[in-house]
Amino acid sequence: MSMETEKRDFDSAAAAWDENPNRVKLAKEVASAIRQQIAITTEMDMADFGCGTGLLSFLLQPMVRSLTGIDSSPGMLEVFRNKIDRLQLTNVRTQLVDLDKGDTLTGRFDLVVSNMTLHHIRKVSPLLDQLYAVLAPGGTLCITDLDLEGGLFHDDNTGVFHFGFDRQELRNAFTASGFVDIRDTTATDIVKPLKSGDSRAFTVFLMTGSKPR
């Protein structure tokens, strides 16, 4: 199954995406972890890469000057824009960016966040290079994703290119892209039933890195 099929699945899932309580819980706990690690101010322009419907984006939006939601799924961005309209926000916009089609990130941001998106990216280092490029000097990247999970987290691993991440290997990739002051912490965990009938807690880390001034 191709990534295009994977993206169509995201499109079809978009309308009911926010009804999953685990996703809502995750977004709240990730937002809390980011606030604990980063001094967010109303002078910041923020981007959310892989924003989906904006579960994380709109928790942080009141704290920043502007917000750009970036995703490859038109269906997700439609839900995101409906929230913009419903909340009557004038400082929030969307970008449709499909890296598989050769799109590149544009803009300049003081803070870039990305929640549970990295494991859907084939090649991590080129993405980190792009995220570094759109950060303003002194800006910060915040990525949350799964610790190594052996392919058990998703019921269907279509479009999943990494079964979680080794934190040290990802720190090395951050360093190779130019980031400094790299830190990681455990943001939360997600308890999910397995096909065996048991349940397992999957830990989610937050890794941050800064672009030198």
N, C-alpha and C. Protein backbone atom coordinates (compact mmCIF):
# COMPACT_ATOMS: atom_id res chain seq x y z
N MET A 1 0.85 -1.19 0.00
CA MET A 1 0.00 0.00 0.00
C MET A 1 0.89 1.24 0.00
N SER A 2 0.57 2.21 -0.78
CA SER A 2 1.42 3.38 -0.94
C SER A 2 1.13 4.42 0.12
N MET A 3 2.03 5.42 0.18
CA MET A 3 1.78 6.54 1.09
C MET A 3 0.53 7.30 0.67
N GLU A 4 0.23 7.30 -0.65
CA GLU A 4 -0.98 7.97 -1.08
C GLU A 4 -2.20 7.32 -0.43
N THR A 5 -2.20 5.99 -0.35
CA THR A 5 -3.30 5.30 0.32
C THR A 5 -3.34 5.68 1.79
N GLU A 6 -2.16 5.73 2.40
CA GLU A 6 -2.08 6.14 3.80
C GLU A 6 -2.67 7.52 4.00
N LYS A 7 -2.38 8.46 3.09
CA LYS A 7 -2.89 9.82 3.24
C LYS A 7 -4.40 9.86 3.01
N ARG A 8 -4.89 9.06 2.10
CA ARG A 8 -6.34 9.02 1.91
C ARG A 8 -7.01 8.48 3.17
N ASP A 9 -6.39 7.53 3.82
CA ASP A 9 -6.93 7.03 5.10
C ASP A 9 -7.00 8.16 6.12
N PHE A 10 -5.97 9.01 6.19
CA PHE A 10 -6.00 10.14 7.10
C PHE A 10 -7.13 11.09 6.72
N ASP A 11 -7.32 11.30 5.41
CA ASP A 11 -8.41 12.17 4.98
C ASP A 11 -9.76 11.64 5.45
N SER A 12 -9.99 10.34 5.26
CA SER A 12 -11.27 9.77 5.63
C SER A 12 -11.47 9.72 7.14
N ALA A 13 -10.36 9.66 7.88
CA ALA A 13 -10.44 9.61 9.35
C ALA A 13 -10.58 10.98 9.97
N ALA A 14 -10.37 12.03 9.19
CA ALA A 14 -10.25 13.37 9.77
C ALA A 14 -11.49 13.82 10.54
N ALA A 15 -12.69 13.55 9.99
CA ALA A 15 -13.91 14.06 10.61
C ALA A 15 -14.10 13.55 12.03
N ALA A 16 -13.71 12.30 12.27
CA ALA A 16 -13.91 11.70 13.60
C ALA A 16 -12.62 11.65 14.42
N TRP A 17 -11.57 12.28 13.94
CA TRP A 17 -10.25 12.17 14.58
C TRP A 17 -10.27 12.59 16.05
N ASP A 18 -10.96 13.69 16.33
CA ASP A 18 -10.94 14.25 17.69
C ASP A 18 -11.80 13.48 18.67
N GLU A 19 -12.53 12.48 18.19
CA GLU A 19 -13.41 11.72 19.07
C GLU A 19 -12.66 10.64 19.86
N ASN A 20 -11.39 10.42 19.51
CA ASN A 20 -10.59 9.42 20.21
C ASN A 20 -10.03 10.03 21.50
N PRO A 21 -10.46 9.55 22.68
CA PRO A 21 -10.02 10.17 23.93
C PRO A 21 -8.52 10.04 24.16
N ASN A 22 -7.90 8.98 23.64
CA ASN A 22 -6.45 8.84 23.79
C ASN A 22 -5.71 9.97 23.07
N ARG A 23 -6.22 10.37 21.89
CA ARG A 23 -5.57 11.44 21.14
C ARG A 23 -5.71 12.78 21.87
N VAL A 24 -6.88 13.01 22.43
CA VAL A 24 -7.12 14.26 23.17
C VAL A 24 -6.22 14.30 24.41
N LYS A 25 -6.15 13.19 25.12
CA LYS A 25 -5.29 13.10 26.30
C LYS A 25 -3.83 13.34 25.93
N LEU A 26 -3.39 12.70 24.84
CA LEU A 26 -2.02 12.85 24.40
C LEU A 26 -1.70 14.31 24.10
N ALA A 27 -2.58 14.98 23.37
CA ALA A 27 -2.33 16.37 23.01
C ALA A 27 -2.21 17.25 24.25
N LYS A 28 -3.07 17.03 25.22
CA LYS A 28 -3.02 17.84 26.45
C LYS A 28 -1.72 17.60 27.20
N GLU A 29 -1.30 16.36 27.29
CA GLU A 29 -0.10 16.04 28.06
C GLU A 29 1.17 16.48 27.31
N VAL A 30 1.15 16.41 25.99
CA VAL A 30 2.28 16.91 25.21
C VAL A 30 2.37 18.43 25.33
N ALA A 31 1.23 19.11 25.26
CA ALA A 31 1.22 20.57 25.43
C ALA A 31 1.79 20.95 26.78
N SER A 32 1.41 20.22 27.82
CA SER A 32 1.93 20.49 29.15
C SER A 32 3.44 20.28 29.21
N ALA A 33 3.93 19.20 28.59
CA ALA A 33 5.36 18.91 28.59
C ALA A 33 6.13 20.00 27.85
N ILE A 34 5.59 20.47 26.74
CA ILE A 34 6.26 21.55 25.98
C ILE A 34 6.31 22.82 26.81
N ARG A 35 5.22 23.15 27.46
CA ARG A 35 5.20 24.37 28.28
C ARG A 35 6.20 24.29 29.42
N GLN A 36 6.42 23.10 29.94
CA GLN A 36 7.40 22.93 31.02
C GLN A 36 8.83 23.10 30.53
N GLN A 37 9.08 22.76 29.26
CA GLN A 37 10.44 22.79 28.74
C GLN A 37 10.79 24.08 28.02
N ILE A 38 9.77 24.75 27.46
CA ILE A 38 10.01 25.91 26.59
C ILE A 38 9.29 27.13 27.15
N ALA A 39 9.99 28.26 27.16
CA ALA A 39 9.36 29.52 27.58
C ALA A 39 8.64 30.11 26.37
N ILE A 40 7.37 29.79 26.23
CA ILE A 40 6.58 30.26 25.10
C ILE A 40 6.10 31.68 25.37
N THR A 41 6.21 32.56 24.37
CA THR A 41 5.79 33.95 24.54
C THR A 41 4.90 34.38 23.39
N THR A 42 4.18 35.46 23.60
CA THR A 42 3.28 36.00 22.60
C THR A 42 4.03 36.73 21.48
N GLU A 43 5.35 36.68 21.51
CA GLU A 43 6.14 37.25 20.41
C GLU A 43 6.58 36.16 19.43
N MET A 44 6.16 34.92 19.68
CA MET A 44 6.60 33.80 18.86
C MET A 44 5.64 33.50 17.72
N ASP A 45 6.21 33.22 16.55
CA ASP A 45 5.46 32.64 15.43
C ASP A 45 5.72 31.14 15.47
N MET A 46 4.65 30.35 15.55
CA MET A 46 4.76 28.91 15.74
C MET A 46 4.23 28.15 14.55
N ALA A 47 4.85 27.01 14.24
CA ALA A 47 4.33 26.08 13.24
C ALA A 47 4.16 24.72 13.89
N ASP A 48 3.13 24.00 13.47
CA ASP A 48 2.90 22.62 13.91
C ASP A 48 3.00 21.75 12.67
N PHE A 49 4.10 20.99 12.57
CA PHE A 49 4.32 20.13 11.41
C PHE A 49 3.64 18.79 11.65
N GLY A 50 2.76 18.41 10.71
CA GLY A 50 1.94 17.21 10.93
C GLY A 50 0.82 17.52 11.90
N CYS A 51 0.22 18.68 11.71
CA CYS A 51 -0.73 19.23 12.71
C CYS A 51 -2.02 18.43 12.82
N GLY A 52 -2.37 17.65 11.77
CA GLY A 52 -3.65 16.95 11.82
C GLY A 52 -4.80 17.93 11.97
N THR A 53 -5.69 17.63 12.87
CA THR A 53 -6.86 18.50 13.09
C THR A 53 -6.56 19.64 14.05
N GLY A 54 -5.34 19.68 14.56
CA GLY A 54 -4.96 20.79 15.44
C GLY A 54 -5.16 20.53 16.91
N LEU A 55 -5.24 19.27 17.32
CA LEU A 55 -5.45 18.97 18.74
C LEU A 55 -4.38 19.61 19.61
N LEU A 56 -3.13 19.51 19.17
CA LEU A 56 -2.04 20.17 19.91
C LEU A 56 -1.97 21.65 19.58
N SER A 57 -2.11 21.98 18.31
CA SER A 57 -1.94 23.37 17.85
C SER A 57 -2.78 24.36 18.64
N PHE A 58 -4.05 24.02 18.81
CA PHE A 58 -4.97 25.00 19.39
C PHE A 58 -4.85 25.09 20.92
N LEU A 59 -4.14 24.14 21.52
CA LEU A 59 -3.82 24.27 22.94
C LEU A 59 -2.71 25.29 23.16
N LEU A 60 -1.79 25.40 22.20
CA LEU A 60 -0.67 26.33 22.32
C LEU A 60 -0.95 27.67 21.65
N GLN A 61 -1.92 27.71 20.75
CA GLN A 61 -2.20 28.92 19.97
C GLN A 61 -2.42 30.18 20.82
N PRO A 62 -3.15 30.12 21.95
CA PRO A 62 -3.36 31.35 22.71
C PRO A 62 -2.07 31.95 23.29
N MET A 63 -1.00 31.19 23.29
CA MET A 63 0.24 31.63 23.92
C MET A 63 1.20 32.28 22.95
N VAL A 64 0.93 32.20 21.63
CA VAL A 64 1.88 32.67 20.63
C VAL A 64 1.28 33.78 19.77
N ARG A 65 2.15 34.41 18.98
CA ARG A 65 1.68 35.51 18.12
C ARG A 65 0.92 34.99 16.91
N SER A 66 1.45 33.91 16.31
CA SER A 66 0.78 33.35 15.14
C SER A 66 1.03 31.85 15.10
N LEU A 67 0.15 31.15 14.38
CA LEU A 67 0.22 29.70 14.27
C LEU A 67 0.01 29.30 12.82
N THR A 68 0.87 28.41 12.33
CA THR A 68 0.72 27.82 11.02
C THR A 68 0.61 26.31 11.18
N GLY A 69 -0.50 25.75 10.73
CA GLY A 69 -0.68 24.30 10.77
C GLY A 69 -0.26 23.70 9.45
N ILE A 70 0.69 22.76 9.49
CA ILE A 70 1.26 22.18 8.27
C ILE A 70 0.94 20.69 8.25
N ASP A 71 0.38 20.21 7.13
CA ASP A 71 0.06 18.79 7.02
C ASP A 71 0.00 18.41 5.55
N SER A 72 0.08 17.09 5.29
CA SER A 72 -0.03 16.59 3.93
C SER A 72 -1.43 16.09 3.60
N SER A 73 -2.34 16.13 4.59
CA SER A 73 -3.69 15.61 4.39
C SER A 73 -4.69 16.77 4.22
N PRO A 74 -5.27 16.92 3.03
CA PRO A 74 -6.28 17.97 2.86
C PRO A 74 -7.46 17.80 3.81
N GLY A 75 -7.84 16.56 4.10
CA GLY A 75 -8.97 16.33 5.00
C GLY A 75 -8.69 16.83 6.40
N MET A 76 -7.49 16.57 6.91
CA MET A 76 -7.12 17.07 8.23
C MET A 76 -7.11 18.60 8.25
N LEU A 77 -6.55 19.20 7.19
CA LEU A 77 -6.47 20.66 7.16
C LEU A 77 -7.86 21.29 7.02
N GLU A 78 -8.79 20.59 6.41
CA GLU A 78 -10.16 21.12 6.34
C GLU A 78 -10.77 21.22 7.73
N VAL A 79 -10.58 20.18 8.56
CA VAL A 79 -11.06 20.22 9.94
C VAL A 79 -10.34 21.34 10.70
N PHE A 80 -9.05 21.47 10.47
CA PHE A 80 -8.25 22.53 11.12
C PHE A 80 -8.82 23.90 10.77
N ARG A 81 -9.12 24.12 9.48
CA ARG A 81 -9.64 25.42 9.06
C ARG A 81 -11.04 25.67 9.62
N ASN A 82 -11.83 24.62 9.77
CA ASN A 82 -13.15 24.79 10.39
C ASN A 82 -13.02 25.30 11.82
N LYS A 83 -11.98 24.86 12.51
CA LYS A 83 -11.75 25.36 13.87
C LYS A 83 -11.33 26.83 13.84
N ILE A 84 -10.51 27.19 12.87
CA ILE A 84 -10.12 28.60 12.72
C ILE A 84 -11.37 29.46 12.56
N ASP A 85 -12.27 29.02 11.68
CA ASP A 85 -13.49 29.78 11.42
C ASP A 85 -14.39 29.83 12.66
N ARG A 86 -14.53 28.68 13.32
CA ARG A 86 -15.42 28.63 14.50
C ARG A 86 -14.90 29.52 15.63
N LEU A 87 -13.59 29.56 15.79
CA LEU A 87 -12.99 30.37 16.86
C LEU A 87 -12.72 31.80 16.41
N GLN A 88 -12.96 32.07 15.12
CA GLN A 88 -12.78 33.41 14.54
C GLN A 88 -11.36 33.93 14.79
N LEU A 89 -10.40 33.10 14.47
CA LEU A 89 -9.00 33.44 14.68
C LEU A 89 -8.43 34.11 13.43
N THR A 90 -7.68 35.17 13.64
CA THR A 90 -7.09 35.90 12.51
C THR A 90 -5.58 35.68 12.41
N ASN A 91 -5.01 34.98 13.37
CA ASN A 91 -3.55 34.80 13.38
C ASN A 91 -3.16 33.34 13.14
N VAL A 92 -4.07 32.57 12.52
CA VAL A 92 -3.82 31.15 12.28
C VAL A 92 -4.07 30.85 10.81
N ARG A 93 -3.17 30.06 10.21
CA ARG A 93 -3.33 29.68 8.81
C ARG A 93 -2.84 28.25 8.63
N THR A 94 -3.04 27.71 7.45
CA THR A 94 -2.61 26.35 7.15
C THR A 94 -1.69 26.33 5.94
N GLN A 95 -0.88 25.28 5.87
CA GLN A 95 -0.04 25.00 4.70
C GLN A 95 -0.19 23.53 4.35
N LEU A 96 -0.51 23.24 3.10
CA LEU A 96 -0.52 21.87 2.60
C LEU A 96 0.87 21.57 2.07
N VAL A 97 1.59 20.69 2.73
CA VAL A 97 2.96 20.35 2.35
C VAL A 97 3.08 18.83 2.26
N ASP A 98 3.43 18.33 1.09
CA ASP A 98 3.61 16.90 0.89
C ASP A 98 5.07 16.66 0.52
N LEU A 99 5.85 16.22 1.48
CA LEU A 99 7.28 16.01 1.25
C LEU A 99 7.51 14.94 0.19
N ASP A 100 6.63 13.92 0.12
CA ASP A 100 6.79 12.84 -0.85
C ASP A 100 6.64 13.35 -2.28
N LYS A 101 5.98 14.47 -2.46
CA LYS A 101 5.82 15.05 -3.79
C LYS A 101 6.86 16.11 -4.09
N GLY A 102 7.81 16.26 -3.16
CA GLY A 102 8.89 17.21 -3.38
C GLY A 102 8.63 18.60 -2.83
N ASP A 103 7.52 18.78 -2.09
CA ASP A 103 7.26 20.07 -1.46
C ASP A 103 8.34 20.35 -0.41
N THR A 104 8.58 21.62 -0.18
CA THR A 104 9.51 22.02 0.87
C THR A 104 8.83 22.99 1.82
N LEU A 105 9.31 23.01 3.04
CA LEU A 105 8.75 23.91 4.03
C LEU A 105 9.18 25.34 3.75
N THR A 106 8.27 26.27 4.00
CA THR A 106 8.57 27.69 3.82
C THR A 106 8.12 28.45 5.06
N GLY A 107 8.62 29.67 5.19
CA GLY A 107 8.26 30.51 6.33
C GLY A 107 9.43 30.66 7.29
N ARG A 108 9.19 31.39 8.36
CA ARG A 108 10.19 31.60 9.39
C ARG A 108 9.48 31.57 10.74
N PHE A 109 9.92 30.70 11.60
CA PHE A 109 9.21 30.44 12.85
C PHE A 109 10.17 30.46 14.04
N ASP A 110 9.64 30.88 15.17
CA ASP A 110 10.41 30.88 16.41
C ASP A 110 10.26 29.56 17.15
N LEU A 111 9.17 28.86 16.88
CA LEU A 111 8.89 27.59 17.54
C LEU A 111 8.23 26.66 16.53
N VAL A 112 8.77 25.46 16.39
CA VAL A 112 8.15 24.42 15.56
C VAL A 112 7.90 23.22 16.44
N VAL A 113 6.67 22.73 16.43
CA VAL A 113 6.32 21.53 17.17
C VAL A 113 5.87 20.46 16.17
N SER A 114 6.04 19.21 16.56
CA SER A 114 5.60 18.10 15.73
C SER A 114 5.29 16.92 16.64
N ASN A 115 4.05 16.49 16.62
CA ASN A 115 3.58 15.50 17.58
C ASN A 115 3.21 14.20 16.87
N MET A 116 3.95 13.13 17.15
CA MET A 116 3.63 11.78 16.66
C MET A 116 3.57 11.73 15.13
N THR A 117 4.44 12.51 14.49
CA THR A 117 4.48 12.55 13.03
C THR A 117 5.75 11.91 12.49
N LEU A 118 6.84 11.97 13.25
CA LEU A 118 8.14 11.58 12.73
C LEU A 118 8.18 10.13 12.28
N HIS A 119 7.44 9.25 12.95
CA HIS A 119 7.50 7.84 12.56
C HIS A 119 6.82 7.58 11.22
N HIS A 120 6.10 8.57 10.69
CA HIS A 120 5.49 8.45 9.36
C HIS A 120 6.39 9.04 8.27
N ILE A 121 7.57 9.52 8.64
CA ILE A 121 8.49 10.15 7.69
C ILE A 121 9.58 9.15 7.30
N ARG A 122 9.71 8.92 5.99
CA ARG A 122 10.68 7.92 5.53
C ARG A 122 12.10 8.27 5.97
N LYS A 123 12.54 9.46 5.66
CA LYS A 123 13.91 9.87 5.94
C LYS A 123 13.88 11.05 6.91
N VAL A 124 14.37 10.80 8.10
CA VAL A 124 14.26 11.78 9.18
C VAL A 124 15.22 12.94 8.99
N SER A 125 16.47 12.65 8.61
CA SER A 125 17.49 13.71 8.57
C SER A 125 17.14 14.84 7.59
N PRO A 126 16.67 14.55 6.36
CA PRO A 126 16.29 15.65 5.47
C PRO A 126 15.16 16.51 6.05
N LEU A 127 14.24 15.90 6.78
CA LEU A 127 13.18 16.69 7.41
C LEU A 127 13.76 17.59 8.49
N LEU A 128 14.65 17.05 9.32
CA LEU A 128 15.27 17.87 10.36
C LEU A 128 16.02 19.05 9.73
N ASP A 129 16.67 18.81 8.59
CA ASP A 129 17.35 19.90 7.88
C ASP A 129 16.36 20.99 7.47
N GLN A 130 15.19 20.56 6.97
CA GLN A 130 14.17 21.54 6.55
C GLN A 130 13.61 22.30 7.75
N LEU A 131 13.37 21.59 8.84
CA LEU A 131 12.84 22.25 10.04
C LEU A 131 13.86 23.26 10.58
N TYR A 132 15.12 22.88 10.53
CA TYR A 132 16.18 23.80 10.95
C TYR A 132 16.17 25.05 10.08
N ALA A 133 15.97 24.86 8.78
CA ALA A 133 16.02 25.98 7.83
C ALA A 133 14.91 26.99 8.08
N VAL A 134 13.74 26.55 8.49
CA VAL A 134 12.62 27.49 8.68
C VAL A 134 12.59 28.08 10.08
N LEU A 135 13.47 27.62 10.97
CA LEU A 135 13.54 28.22 12.29
C LEU A 135 14.34 29.52 12.23
N ALA A 136 13.87 30.52 12.94
CA ALA A 136 14.63 31.75 13.11
C ALA A 136 15.82 31.47 14.04
N PRO A 137 16.90 32.22 13.92
CA PRO A 137 18.00 32.06 14.87
C PRO A 137 17.49 32.16 16.32
N GLY A 138 17.89 31.21 17.14
CA GLY A 138 17.39 31.16 18.51
C GLY A 138 16.08 30.41 18.66
N GLY A 139 15.53 29.96 17.54
CA GLY A 139 14.26 29.24 17.58
C GLY A 139 14.43 27.82 18.08
N THR A 140 13.29 27.20 18.41
CA THR A 140 13.31 25.88 19.05
C THR A 140 12.42 24.90 18.30
N LEU A 141 12.92 23.68 18.17
CA LEU A 141 12.15 22.57 17.62
C LEU A 141 11.75 21.63 18.75
N CYS A 142 10.48 21.25 18.79
CA CYS A 142 9.97 20.30 19.78
C CYS A 142 9.32 19.13 19.04
N ILE A 143 9.90 17.96 19.20
CA ILE A 143 9.35 16.77 18.55
C ILE A 143 8.96 15.76 19.61
N THR A 144 7.74 15.26 19.50
CA THR A 144 7.32 14.15 20.36
C THR A 144 7.04 12.94 19.48
N ASP A 145 7.47 11.79 19.98
CA ASP A 145 7.21 10.55 19.27
C ASP A 145 7.43 9.38 20.23
N LEU A 146 7.30 8.19 19.70
CA LEU A 146 7.36 6.98 20.51
C LEU A 146 8.80 6.53 20.73
N ASP A 147 9.08 6.06 21.94
CA ASP A 147 10.29 5.28 22.14
C ASP A 147 10.15 3.98 21.34
N LEU A 148 11.25 3.27 21.16
CA LEU A 148 11.23 2.02 20.41
C LEU A 148 10.10 1.11 20.89
N GLU A 149 9.27 0.64 19.93
CA GLU A 149 8.06 -0.11 20.33
C GLU A 149 7.85 -1.42 19.58
N GLY A 150 8.81 -1.77 18.72
CA GLY A 150 8.78 -3.09 18.10
C GLY A 150 7.64 -3.34 17.12
N GLY A 151 7.00 -2.30 16.64
CA GLY A 151 5.92 -2.46 15.67
C GLY A 151 4.58 -2.85 16.27
N LEU A 152 4.46 -2.71 17.59
CA LEU A 152 3.22 -3.12 18.28
C LEU A 152 2.22 -1.99 18.46
N PHE A 153 2.65 -0.75 18.29
CA PHE A 153 1.78 0.38 18.62
C PHE A 153 0.59 0.50 17.68
N HIS A 154 0.84 0.41 16.38
CA HIS A 154 -0.23 0.57 15.39
C HIS A 154 -0.87 -0.78 15.07
N ASP A 155 -2.18 -0.77 14.92
CA ASP A 155 -2.87 -1.97 14.46
C ASP A 155 -2.48 -2.31 13.03
N ASP A 156 -2.19 -1.28 12.24
CA ASP A 156 -1.78 -1.45 10.84
C ASP A 156 -0.56 -0.57 10.62
N ASN A 157 0.57 -1.17 10.27
CA ASN A 157 1.81 -0.40 10.12
C ASN A 157 2.00 0.15 8.72
N THR A 158 0.94 0.20 7.92
CA THR A 158 1.01 0.87 6.63
C THR A 158 1.42 2.32 6.83
N GLY A 159 2.43 2.77 6.11
CA GLY A 159 2.86 4.16 6.22
C GLY A 159 3.64 4.46 7.48
N VAL A 160 3.99 3.43 8.25
CA VAL A 160 4.82 3.62 9.44
C VAL A 160 6.24 3.18 9.08
N PHE A 161 7.18 4.10 9.12
CA PHE A 161 8.53 3.80 8.68
C PHE A 161 9.52 3.60 9.83
N HIS A 162 9.08 3.90 11.04
CA HIS A 162 9.94 3.72 12.21
C HIS A 162 9.08 3.21 13.35
N PHE A 163 9.48 2.11 13.93
CA PHE A 163 8.76 1.57 15.09
C PHE A 163 9.29 2.23 16.35
N GLY A 164 9.04 3.52 16.45
CA GLY A 164 9.60 4.31 17.53
C GLY A 164 11.05 4.67 17.24
N PHE A 165 11.68 5.36 18.20
CA PHE A 165 13.03 5.87 17.99
C PHE A 165 13.90 5.60 19.20
N ASP A 166 15.17 5.34 18.92
CA ASP A 166 16.20 5.35 19.94
C ASP A 166 16.56 6.81 20.19
N ARG A 167 16.43 7.26 21.42
CA ARG A 167 16.61 8.69 21.70
C ARG A 167 18.02 9.18 21.36
N GLN A 168 19.04 8.38 21.66
CA GLN A 168 20.40 8.83 21.37
C GLN A 168 20.63 8.96 19.88
N GLU A 169 20.10 8.03 19.10
CA GLU A 169 20.25 8.13 17.65
C GLU A 169 19.55 9.38 17.12
N LEU A 170 18.38 9.71 17.67
CA LEU A 170 17.68 10.91 17.22
C LEU A 170 18.42 12.17 17.67
N ARG A 171 18.99 12.14 18.88
CA ARG A 171 19.81 13.28 19.33
C ARG A 171 20.97 13.50 18.36
N ASN A 172 21.58 12.41 17.91
CA ASN A 172 22.68 12.52 16.95
C ASN A 172 22.20 13.15 15.64
N ALA A 173 21.00 12.78 15.22
CA ALA A 173 20.44 13.36 13.99
C ALA A 173 20.16 14.85 14.18
N PHE A 174 19.66 15.24 15.35
CA PHE A 174 19.47 16.66 15.66
C PHE A 174 20.80 17.40 15.53
N THR A 175 21.84 16.83 16.14
CA THR A 175 23.16 17.47 16.12
C THR A 175 23.67 17.62 14.69
N ALA A 176 23.49 16.56 13.88
CA ALA A 176 23.96 16.61 12.50
C ALA A 176 23.26 17.68 11.68
N SER A 177 22.03 18.02 12.05
CA SER A 177 21.29 19.07 11.33
C SER A 177 21.61 20.46 11.85
N GLY A 178 22.41 20.56 12.91
CA GLY A 178 22.84 21.86 13.41
C GLY A 178 22.25 22.30 14.72
N PHE A 179 21.34 21.50 15.29
CA PHE A 179 20.69 21.89 16.54
C PHE A 179 21.67 21.81 17.71
N VAL A 180 21.46 22.70 18.67
CA VAL A 180 22.25 22.71 19.90
C VAL A 180 21.31 22.67 21.09
N ASP A 181 21.87 22.51 22.27
CA ASP A 181 21.09 22.45 23.52
C ASP A 181 19.97 21.42 23.39
N ILE A 182 20.35 20.23 22.96
CA ILE A 182 19.36 19.16 22.70
C ILE A 182 19.03 18.46 24.02
N ARG A 183 17.76 18.32 24.28
CA ARG A 183 17.29 17.71 25.51
C ARG A 183 16.15 16.74 25.19
N ASP A 184 16.01 15.72 26.05
CA ASP A 184 14.84 14.86 25.89
C ASP A 184 14.30 14.50 27.27
N THR A 185 13.01 14.27 27.29
CA THR A 185 12.32 13.89 28.51
C THR A 185 11.13 13.03 28.13
N THR A 186 10.62 12.27 29.07
CA THR A 186 9.40 11.50 28.82
C THR A 186 8.20 12.41 29.02
N ALA A 187 7.41 12.56 27.97
CA ALA A 187 6.27 13.48 28.02
C ALA A 187 5.03 12.80 28.63
N THR A 188 4.79 11.55 28.23
CA THR A 188 3.59 10.84 28.70
C THR A 188 3.70 9.39 28.23
N ASP A 189 2.67 8.63 28.46
CA ASP A 189 2.58 7.30 27.86
C ASP A 189 1.16 7.07 27.37
N ILE A 190 1.04 6.11 26.48
CA ILE A 190 -0.25 5.76 25.89
C ILE A 190 -0.47 4.29 26.17
N VAL A 191 -1.56 3.97 26.85
CA VAL A 191 -1.88 2.57 27.14
C VAL A 191 -2.83 2.07 26.06
N LYS A 192 -2.42 0.99 25.38
CA LYS A 192 -3.23 0.45 24.29
C LYS A 192 -3.36 -1.05 24.44
N PRO A 193 -4.50 -1.61 24.04
CA PRO A 193 -4.63 -3.07 24.01
C PRO A 193 -3.83 -3.65 22.86
N LEU A 194 -3.24 -4.81 23.06
CA LEU A 194 -2.51 -5.51 22.02
C LEU A 194 -3.39 -6.61 21.42
N LYS A 195 -2.96 -7.12 20.27
CA LYS A 195 -3.73 -8.18 19.61
C LYS A 195 -3.81 -9.43 20.49
N SER A 196 -2.83 -9.59 21.39
CA SER A 196 -2.82 -10.74 22.29
C SER A 196 -3.90 -10.66 23.36
N GLY A 197 -4.49 -9.46 23.50
CA GLY A 197 -5.49 -9.26 24.55
C GLY A 197 -4.93 -8.53 25.75
N ASP A 198 -3.60 -8.47 25.86
CA ASP A 198 -2.97 -7.72 26.94
C ASP A 198 -2.95 -6.23 26.59
N SER A 199 -2.59 -5.42 27.55
CA SER A 199 -2.40 -4.00 27.31
C SER A 199 -0.95 -3.64 27.57
N ARG A 200 -0.50 -2.58 26.93
CA ARG A 200 0.89 -2.13 27.11
C ARG A 200 0.92 -0.62 27.13
N ALA A 201 1.80 -0.07 27.96
CA ALA A 201 2.03 1.37 27.98
C ALA A 201 3.20 1.70 27.06
N PHE A 202 2.96 2.56 26.08
CA PHE A 202 3.99 3.01 25.15
C PHE A 202 4.43 4.41 25.56
N THR A 203 5.71 4.60 25.82
CA THR A 203 6.17 5.91 26.27
C THR A 203 6.38 6.84 25.08
N VAL A 204 6.08 8.11 25.33
CA VAL A 204 6.23 9.16 24.33
C VAL A 204 7.25 10.16 24.87
N PHE A 205 8.31 10.40 24.11
CA PHE A 205 9.34 11.35 24.54
C PHE A 205 9.12 12.71 23.89
N LEU A 206 9.66 13.73 24.52
CA LEU A 206 9.75 15.07 23.94
C LEU A 206 11.23 15.38 23.78
N MET A 207 11.63 15.68 22.54
CA MET A 207 13.00 16.10 22.29
C MET A 207 13.00 17.52 21.76
N THR A 208 13.84 18.34 22.33
CA THR A 208 13.92 19.75 21.93
C THR A 208 15.35 20.08 21.51
N GLY A 209 15.44 21.00 20.59
CA GLY A 209 16.74 21.49 20.13
C GLY A 209 16.59 22.91 19.65
N SER A 210 17.66 23.68 19.76
CA SER A 210 17.63 25.09 19.38
C SER A 210 18.53 25.38 18.18
N LYS A 211 18.16 26.38 17.42
CA LYS A 211 19.01 26.88 16.33
C LYS A 211 19.87 28.00 16.91
N PRO A 212 21.18 27.93 16.74
CA PRO A 212 22.03 28.97 17.32
C PRO A 212 21.63 30.36 16.84
N ARG A 213 21.82 31.32 17.72
CA ARG A 213 21.49 32.72 17.36
C ARG A 213 22.53 33.27 16.39
